[in-house]
Amino acid sequence: MLLIIALLQTAVPLPPHPRRWAQFSRAGALNHITETVEIATGDRDASNDFPYRLRLIKQSTEGNEVWMADSENCPVILDVVKSMKGIKMPTFAPYGIPGQSTKSMFDGTGYSLSAPTSDIAGEVTVSSNNRSSIAIWIDASFIQLTPCWRKASF
């Protein structure tokens, strides 16, 4: 009974960061660990720049862990945000079109990125798997952001 209560307590999702405008994540199919980074903005400063506020949520069978980072203390965050513009977006691949691949992958790591687009009020969510342009950018971003994180205190 205690095990069921403990599992239910760890499954409670955190509410989105209040000023979130983008997020990316990776989820291991075999290790059952999901890491999600929410990107939010603070108020503009005197130079009219947005400070960025990031929240990393690591979900596993052992519960949730939360870390925070901000661009004032870790300027590499600005580089990560800017590099988002350079991601090579995949093309749409409708099923049933001659010459179109229908390969599926059932293990590995699932990657996802949700962010605004250049369309007016546009937003896109892209999901992929290992070795894709999205996966490469997300893995590189996690590496770049490693020194930025500090454990969140509630």
Foldseek 3Di string as FASTA:
>chain_A
DVLVVQQVVQPDDDDADPFFAKKKWKAFPVQGKIKMKTWGWDDQDPVRDTKIKIKIWIGHSNHIFIWIFICVVPVCVVVLVVCVVVQDDDDDFDPPDPPGDPDDDDGAMKMKMWHADPPVRRIDMDIDGPPHSRNVSVVVVCVSCVVGIDTDDD
